[in-house]
């Protein structure tokens, strides 16, 4: 048995595509699997929220320059 994966961008067309696929000779089943929505707004991501929590609770270190950071870490340039 072979599997064909279709990606349909417009969700309003999913039902019609599913119905059309069912009419094809030899198709035994048609399943729809919704994918998770992409997050375009970075402020809604878990990583962003964790970073803002770090800032809020003072778990952030600032350096004047990259050279200053390397000096504090003991890394020679």
PDB file of N, CA and C in Angstrom:
ATOM      1  N   UNK A   1       0.847  -1.176   0.000  1.00  0.00           N
ATOM      2  CA  UNK A   1       0.000   0.000   0.000  1.00  0.00           C
ATOM      3  C   UNK A   1       0.892   1.238   0.000  1.00  0.00           C
ATOM      4  N   UNK A   2       0.512   2.246  -0.741  1.00  0.00           N
ATOM      5  CA  UNK A   2       1.248   3.504  -0.821  1.00  0.00           C
ATOM      6  C   UNK A   2       0.488   4.590  -0.070  1.00  0.00           C
ATOM      7  N   UNK A   3       1.216   5.581   0.390  1.00  0.00           N
ATOM      8  CA  UNK A   3       0.613   6.714   1.085  1.00  0.00           C
ATOM      9  C   UNK A   3       0.978   7.981   0.338  1.00  0.00           C
ATOM     10  N   UNK A   4       0.002   8.847   0.139  1.00  0.00           N
ATOM     11  CA  UNK A   4       0.216  10.145  -0.499  1.00  0.00           C
ATOM     12  C   UNK A   4      -0.130  11.217   0.525  1.00  0.00           C
ATOM     13  N   UNK A   5       0.738  12.194   0.686  1.00  0.00           N
ATOM     14  CA  UNK A   5       0.508  13.281   1.634  1.00  0.00           C
ATOM     15  C   UNK A   5       0.243  14.552   0.839  1.00  0.00           C
ATOM     16  N   UNK A   6      -0.874  15.176   1.123  1.00  0.00           N
ATOM     17  CA  UNK A   6      -1.224  16.449   0.488  1.00  0.00           C
ATOM     18  C   UNK A   6      -1.182  17.536   1.549  1.00  0.00           C
ATOM     19  N   UNK A   7      -0.620  18.672   1.204  1.00  0.00           N
ATOM     20  CA  UNK A   7      -0.651  19.815   2.113  1.00  0.00           C
ATOM     21  C   UNK A   7      -1.585  20.847   1.501  1.00  0.00           C
ATOM     22  N   UNK A   8      -2.634  21.192   2.235  1.00  0.00           N
ATOM     23  CA  UNK A   8      -3.625  22.147   1.757  1.00  0.00           C
ATOM     24  C   UNK A   8      -3.530  23.398   2.614  1.00  0.00           C
ATOM     25  N   UNK A   9      -3.160  24.507   1.988  1.00  0.00           N
ATOM     26  CA  UNK A   9      -2.953  25.744   2.723  1.00  0.00           C
ATOM     27  C   UNK A   9      -4.269  26.358   3.199  1.00  0.00           C
ATOM     28  N   UNK A  10      -5.283  26.340   2.343  1.00  0.00           N
ATOM     29  CA  UNK A  10      -6.585  26.921   2.664  1.00  0.00           C
ATOM     30  C   UNK A  10      -7.461  25.868   3.333  1.00  0.00           C
ATOM     31  N   UNK A  11      -7.665  26.011   4.644  1.00  0.00           N
ATOM     32  CA  UNK A  11      -8.411  24.995   5.401  1.00  0.00           C
ATOM     33  C   UNK A  11      -9.861  24.860   4.949  1.00  0.00           C
ATOM     34  N   UNK A  12     -10.388  25.875   4.291  1.00  0.00           N
ATOM     35  CA  UNK A  12     -11.773  25.777   3.834  1.00  0.00           C
ATOM     36  C   UNK A  12     -11.909  24.786   2.683  1.00  0.00           C
ATOM     37  N   UNK A  13     -10.804  24.404   2.064  1.00  0.00           N
ATOM     38  CA  UNK A  13     -10.835  23.459   0.950  1.00  0.00           C
ATOM     39  C   UNK A  13     -10.609  22.012   1.384  1.00  0.00           C
ATOM     40  N   UNK A  14     -10.239  21.797   2.627  1.00  0.00           N
ATOM     41  CA  UNK A  14      -9.881  20.454   3.100  1.00  0.00           C
ATOM     42  C   UNK A  14     -11.018  19.464   2.894  1.00  0.00           C
ATOM     43  N   UNK A  15     -12.228  19.840   3.246  1.00  0.00           N
ATOM     44  CA  UNK A  15     -13.364  18.922   3.110  1.00  0.00           C
ATOM     45  C   UNK A  15     -13.579  18.530   1.647  1.00  0.00           C
ATOM     46  N   UNK A  16     -13.440  19.493   0.731  1.00  0.00           N
ATOM     47  CA  UNK A  16     -13.635  19.208  -0.693  1.00  0.00           C
ATOM     48  C   UNK A  16     -12.535  18.296  -1.230  1.00  0.00           C
ATOM     49  N   UNK A  17     -11.295  18.529  -0.797  1.00  0.00           N
ATOM     50  CA  UNK A  17     -10.180  17.684  -1.232  1.00  0.00           C
ATOM     51  C   UNK A  17     -10.372  16.266  -0.695  1.00  0.00           C
ATOM     52  N   UNK A  18     -10.790  16.165   0.554  1.00  0.00           N
ATOM     53  CA  UNK A  18     -11.042  14.848   1.158  1.00  0.00           C
ATOM     54  C   UNK A  18     -12.128  14.102   0.389  1.00  0.00           C
ATOM     55  N   UNK A  19     -13.211  14.788   0.056  1.00  0.00           N
ATOM     56  CA  UNK A  19     -14.315  14.186  -0.686  1.00  0.00           C
ATOM     57  C   UNK A  19     -13.847  13.731  -2.077  1.00  0.00           C
ATOM     58  N   UNK A  20     -13.048  14.556  -2.734  1.00  0.00           N
ATOM     59  CA  UNK A  20     -12.551  14.210  -4.070  1.00  0.00           C
ATOM     60  C   UNK A  20     -11.636  12.984  -4.010  1.00  0.00           C
ATOM     61  N   UNK A  21     -10.803  12.913  -2.996  1.00  0.00           N
ATOM     62  CA  UNK A  21      -9.898  11.768  -2.858  1.00  0.00           C
ATOM     63  C   UNK A  21     -10.659  10.467  -2.627  1.00  0.00           C
ATOM     64  N   UNK A  22     -11.761  10.544  -1.883  1.00  0.00           N
ATOM     65  CA  UNK A  22     -12.573   9.353  -1.620  1.00  0.00           C
ATOM     66  C   UNK A  22     -13.176   8.791  -2.904  1.00  0.00           C
ATOM     67  N   UNK A  23     -13.386   9.645  -3.906  1.00  0.00           N
ATOM     68  CA  UNK A  23     -13.993   9.210  -5.159  1.00  0.00           C
ATOM     69  C   UNK A  23     -12.998   8.517  -6.090  1.00  0.00           C
ATOM     70  N   UNK A  24     -11.707   8.601  -5.779  1.00  0.00           N
ATOM     71  CA  UNK A  24     -10.689   7.979  -6.625  1.00  0.00           C
ATOM     72  C   UNK A  24     -10.706   6.467  -6.458  1.00  0.00           C
ATOM     73  N   UNK A  25     -10.615   5.766  -7.550  1.00  0.00           N
ATOM     74  CA  UNK A  25     -10.629   4.308  -7.527  1.00  0.00           C
ATOM     75  C   UNK A  25      -9.386   3.796  -6.787  1.00  0.00           C
ATOM     76  N   UNK A  26      -9.587   2.881  -5.860  1.00  0.00           N
ATOM     77  CA  UNK A  26      -8.479   2.268  -5.140  1.00  0.00           C
ATOM     78  C   UNK A  26      -8.146   2.935  -3.821  1.00  0.00           C
ATOM     79  N   UNK A  27      -8.742   4.100  -3.543  1.00  0.00           N
ATOM     80  CA  UNK A  27      -8.483   4.786  -2.272  1.00  0.00           C
ATOM     81  C   UNK A  27      -9.298   4.090  -1.186  1.00  0.00           C
ATOM     82  N   UNK A  28      -8.604   3.615  -0.160  1.00  0.00           N
ATOM     83  CA  UNK A  28      -9.292   2.873   0.901  1.00  0.00           C
ATOM     84  C   UNK A  28      -9.622   3.734   2.105  1.00  0.00           C
ATOM     85  N   UNK A  29      -8.851   4.770   2.352  1.00  0.00           N
ATOM     86  CA  UNK A  29      -9.167   5.660   3.468  1.00  0.00           C
ATOM     87  C   UNK A  29      -8.545   7.028   3.227  1.00  0.00           C
ATOM     88  N   UNK A  30      -9.165   8.040   3.796  1.00  0.00           N
ATOM     89  CA  UNK A  30      -8.665   9.414   3.718  1.00  0.00           C
ATOM     90  C   UNK A  30      -8.692   9.974   5.132  1.00  0.00           C
ATOM     91  N   UNK A  31      -7.543  10.419   5.620  1.00  0.00           N
ATOM     92  CA  UNK A  31      -7.446  10.971   6.971  1.00  0.00           C
ATOM     93  C   UNK A  31      -6.944  12.401   6.888  1.00  0.00           C
ATOM     94  N   UNK A  32      -7.463  13.242   7.744  1.00  0.00           N
ATOM     95  CA  UNK A  32      -7.035  14.642   7.818  1.00  0.00           C
ATOM     96  C   UNK A  32      -6.303  14.830   9.134  1.00  0.00           C
ATOM     97  N   UNK A  33      -5.102  15.369   9.037  1.00  0.00           N
ATOM     98  CA  UNK A  33      -4.309  15.648  10.230  1.00  0.00           C
ATOM     99  C   UNK A  33      -3.951  17.120  10.202  1.00  0.00           C
ATOM    100  N   UNK A  34      -4.425  17.844  11.185  1.00  0.00           N
ATOM    101  CA  UNK A  34      -4.114  19.267  11.250  1.00  0.00           C
ATOM    102  C   UNK A  34      -2.729  19.444  11.832  1.00  0.00           C
ATOM    103  N   UNK A  35      -1.969  20.347  11.249  1.00  0.00           N
ATOM    104  CA  UNK A  35      -0.638  20.645  11.763  1.00  0.00           C
ATOM    105  C   UNK A  35      -0.743  21.812  12.735  1.00  0.00           C
ATOM    106  N   UNK A  36       0.218  21.908  13.619  1.00  0.00           N
ATOM    107  CA  UNK A  36       0.209  23.010  14.575  1.00  0.00           C
ATOM    108  C   UNK A  36       0.424  24.321  13.835  1.00  0.00           C
ATOM    109  N   UNK A  37      -0.197  25.352  14.331  1.00  0.00           N
ATOM    110  CA  UNK A  37      -0.105  26.653  13.695  1.00  0.00           C
ATOM    111  C   UNK A  37       1.265  27.258  13.959  1.00  0.00           C
ATOM    112  N   UNK A  38       1.815  27.872  12.936  1.00  0.00           N
ATOM    113  CA  UNK A  38       3.091  28.555  13.068  1.00  0.00           C
ATOM    114  C   UNK A  38       2.914  29.802  13.907  1.00  0.00           C
ATOM    115  N   UNK A  39       3.847  30.087  14.756  1.00  0.00           N
ATOM    116  CA  UNK A  39       3.761  31.281  15.591  1.00  0.00           C
ATOM    117  C   UNK A  39       4.548  32.397  14.921  1.00  0.00           C
ATOM    118  N   UNK A  40       3.819  33.372  14.383  1.00  0.00           N
ATOM    119  CA  UNK A  40       4.472  34.506  13.743  1.00  0.00           C
ATOM    120  C   UNK A  40       4.857  35.573  14.760  1.00  0.00           C
ATOM    121  N   UNK A  41       4.164  35.604  15.882  1.00  0.00           N
ATOM    122  CA  UNK A  41       4.435  36.594  16.910  1.00  0.00           C
ATOM    123  C   UNK A  41       5.376  35.973  17.941  1.00  0.00           C
ATOM    124  N   UNK A  42       6.630  36.397  17.929  1.00  0.00           N
ATOM    125  CA  UNK A  42       7.641  35.800  18.808  1.00  0.00           C
ATOM    126  C   UNK A  42       7.276  35.965  20.279  1.00  0.00           C
ATOM    127  N   UNK A  43       6.491  36.996  20.615  1.00  0.00           N
ATOM    128  CA  UNK A  43       6.154  37.226  22.019  1.00  0.00           C
ATOM    129  C   UNK A  43       5.206  36.164  22.571  1.00  0.00           C
ATOM    130  N   UNK A  44       4.675  35.307  21.719  1.00  0.00           N
ATOM    131  CA  UNK A  44       3.783  34.237  22.179  1.00  0.00           C
ATOM    132  C   UNK A  44       4.510  32.899  22.341  1.00  0.00           C
ATOM    133  N   UNK A  45       5.806  32.867  22.068  1.00  0.00           N
ATOM    134  CA  UNK A  45       6.557  31.618  22.166  1.00  0.00           C
ATOM    135  C   UNK A  45       7.014  31.377  23.609  1.00  0.00           C
ATOM    136  N   UNK A  46       7.197  30.120  23.940  1.00  0.00           N
ATOM    137  CA  UNK A  46       7.641  29.751  25.290  1.00  0.00           C
ATOM    138  C   UNK A  46       9.050  30.278  25.569  1.00  0.00           C
ATOM    139  N   UNK A  47       9.920  30.258  24.547  1.00  0.00           N
ATOM    140  CA  UNK A  47      11.281  30.748  24.745  1.00  0.00           C
ATOM    141  C   UNK A  47      11.296  32.235  25.080  1.00  0.00           C
ATOM    142  N   UNK A  48      10.466  33.009  24.392  1.00  0.00           N
ATOM    143  CA  UNK A  48      10.391  34.446  24.664  1.00  0.00           C
ATOM    144  C   UNK A  48       9.891  34.686  26.083  1.00  0.00           C
ATOM    145  N   UNK A  49       8.845  33.960  26.467  1.00  0.00           N
ATOM    146  CA  UNK A  49       8.296  34.130  27.816  1.00  0.00           C
ATOM    147  C   UNK A  49       9.319  33.759  28.885  1.00  0.00           C
ATOM    148  N   UNK A  50      10.100  32.717  28.634  1.00  0.00           N
ATOM    149  CA  UNK A  50      11.146  32.326  29.584  1.00  0.00           C
ATOM    150  C   UNK A  50      12.224  33.402  29.675  1.00  0.00           C
ATOM    151  N   UNK A  51      12.588  33.975  28.540  1.00  0.00           N
ATOM    152  CA  UNK A  51      13.597  35.035  28.536  1.00  0.00           C
ATOM    153  C   UNK A  51      13.101  36.258  29.297  1.00  0.00           C
ATOM    154  N   UNK A  52      11.844  36.621  29.113  1.00  0.00           N
ATOM    155  CA  UNK A  52      11.292  37.774  29.826  1.00  0.00           C
ATOM    156  C   UNK A  52      11.197  37.501  31.324  1.00  0.00           C
ATOM    157  N   UNK A  53      10.969  36.250  31.701  1.00  0.00           N
ATOM    158  CA  UNK A  53      10.957  35.881  33.111  1.00  0.00           C
ATOM    159  C   UNK A  53      12.361  36.030  33.697  1.00  0.00           C
ATOM    160  N   UNK A  54      13.379  35.654  32.917  1.00  0.00           N
ATOM    161  CA  UNK A  54      14.764  35.834  33.361  1.00  0.00           C
ATOM    162  C   UNK A  54      15.064  37.310  33.600  1.00  0.00           C
ATOM    163  N   UNK A  55      14.628  38.170  32.686  1.00  0.00           N
ATOM    164  CA  UNK A  55      14.847  39.612  32.835  1.00  0.00           C
ATOM    165  C   UNK A  55      14.135  40.113  34.091  1.00  0.00           C
ATOM    166  N   UNK A  56      12.882  39.710  34.259  1.00  0.00           N
ATOM    167  CA  UNK A  56      12.073  40.154  35.395  1.00  0.00           C
ATOM    168  C   UNK A  56      12.704  39.782  36.728  1.00  0.00           C
ATOM    169  N   UNK A  57      13.329  38.605  36.789  1.00  0.00           N
ATOM    170  CA  UNK A  57      13.907  38.123  38.042  1.00  0.00           C
ATOM    171  C   UNK A  57      15.414  38.368  38.147  1.00  0.00           C
ATOM    172  N   UNK A  58      15.957  39.187  37.249  1.00  0.00           N
ATOM    173  CA  UNK A  58      17.363  39.592  37.350  1.00  0.00           C
ATOM    174  C   UNK A  58      18.366  38.518  36.991  1.00  0.00           C
ATOM    175  N   UNK A  59      17.964  37.545  36.197  1.00  0.00           N
ATOM    176  CA  UNK A  59      18.881  36.476  35.805  1.00  0.00           C
ATOM    177  C   UNK A  59      19.541  36.784  34.459  1.00  0.00           C
ATOM    178  N   UNK A  60      19.988  38.045  34.323  1.00  0.00           N
ATOM    179  CA  UNK A  60      20.599  38.498  33.075  1.00  0.00           C
ATOM    180  C   UNK A  60      21.894  39.223  33.411  1.00  0.00           C
ATOM    181  N   UNK A  61      22.930  38.957  32.652  1.00  0.00           N
ATOM    182  CA  UNK A  61      24.200  39.640  32.832  1.00  0.00           C
ATOM    183  C   UNK A  61      24.483  40.471  31.588  1.00  0.00           C
ATOM    184  N   UNK A  62      24.861  41.734  31.799  1.00  0.00           N
ATOM    185  CA  UNK A  62      25.156  42.622  30.673  1.00  0.00           C
ATOM    186  C   UNK A  62      26.647  42.893  30.625  1.00  0.00           C
ATOM    187  N   UNK A  63      27.173  43.005  29.414  1.00  0.00           N
ATOM    188  CA  UNK A  63      28.571  43.321  29.190  1.00  0.00           C
ATOM    189  C   UNK A  63      28.653  44.513  28.253  1.00  0.00           C
ATOM    190  N   UNK A  64      29.730  45.317  28.405  1.00  0.00           N
ATOM    191  CA  UNK A  64      29.893  46.503  27.568  1.00  0.00           C
ATOM    192  C   UNK A  64      30.253  46.136  26.139  1.00  0.00           C
ATOM    193  N   UNK A  65      30.930  44.995  25.966  1.00  0.00           N
ATOM    194  CA  UNK A  65      31.348  44.581  24.631  1.00  0.00           C
ATOM    195  C   UNK A  65      31.626  43.086  24.626  1.00  0.00           C
ATOM    196  N   UNK A  66      31.832  42.539  23.449  1.00  0.00           N
ATOM    197  CA  UNK A  66      32.187  41.131  23.318  1.00  0.00           C
ATOM    198  C   UNK A  66      33.546  40.882  23.966  1.00  0.00           C
ATOM    199  N   UNK A  67      34.437  41.820  23.793  1.00  0.00           N
ATOM    200  CA  UNK A  67      35.761  41.694  24.403  1.00  0.00           C
ATOM    201  C   UNK A  67      35.652  41.613  25.921  1.00  0.00           C
ATOM    202  N   UNK A  68      34.755  42.430  26.509  1.00  0.00           N
ATOM    203  CA  UNK A  68      34.538  42.415  27.953  1.00  0.00           C
ATOM    204  C   UNK A  68      33.982  41.065  28.400  1.00  0.00           C
ATOM    205  N   UNK A  69      33.054  40.506  27.638  1.00  0.00           N
ATOM    206  CA  UNK A  69      32.496  39.188  27.933  1.00  0.00           C
ATOM    207  C   UNK A  69      33.599  38.136  27.920  1.00  0.00           C
ATOM    208  N   UNK A  70      34.407  38.131  26.862  1.00  0.00           N
ATOM    209  CA  UNK A  70      35.486  37.144  26.758  1.00  0.00           C
ATOM    210  C   UNK A  70      36.489  37.304  27.899  1.00  0.00           C
ATOM    211  N   UNK A  71      36.769  38.542  28.278  1.00  0.00           N
ATOM    212  CA  UNK A  71      37.696  38.787  29.380  1.00  0.00           C
ATOM    213  C   UNK A  71      37.142  38.206  30.687  1.00  0.00           C
ATOM    214  N   UNK A  72      35.852  38.428  30.946  1.00  0.00           N
ATOM    215  CA  UNK A  72      35.211  37.912  32.157  1.00  0.00           C
ATOM    216  C   UNK A  72      35.179  36.380  32.160  1.00  0.00           C
ATOM    217  N   UNK A  73      35.072  35.769  30.973  1.00  0.00           N
ATOM    218  CA  UNK A  73      35.050  34.309  30.859  1.00  0.00           C
ATOM    219  C   UNK A  73      36.446  33.705  30.840  1.00  0.00           C
ATOM    220  N   UNK A  74      37.475  34.569  30.712  1.00  0.00           N
ATOM    221  CA  UNK A  74      38.849  34.073  30.656  1.00  0.00           C
ATOM    222  C   UNK A  74      39.229  33.494  29.292  1.00  0.00           C
ATOM    223  N   UNK A  75      38.579  33.993  28.263  1.00  0.00           N
ATOM    224  CA  UNK A  75      38.862  33.514  26.913  1.00  0.00           C
ATOM    225  C   UNK A  75      39.733  34.536  26.208  1.00  0.00           C
ATOM    226  N   UNK A  76      40.850  34.085  25.671  1.00  0.00           N
ATOM    227  CA  UNK A  76      41.751  34.987  24.962  1.00  0.00           C
ATOM    228  C   UNK A  76      41.341  35.100  23.501  1.00  0.00           C
ATOM    229  N   UNK A  77      41.434  36.301  22.979  1.00  0.00           N
ATOM    230  CA  UNK A  77      41.118  36.518  21.550  1.00  0.00           C
ATOM    231  C   UNK A  77      42.326  36.356  20.697  1.00  0.00           C
TER     232      UNK A  77
END
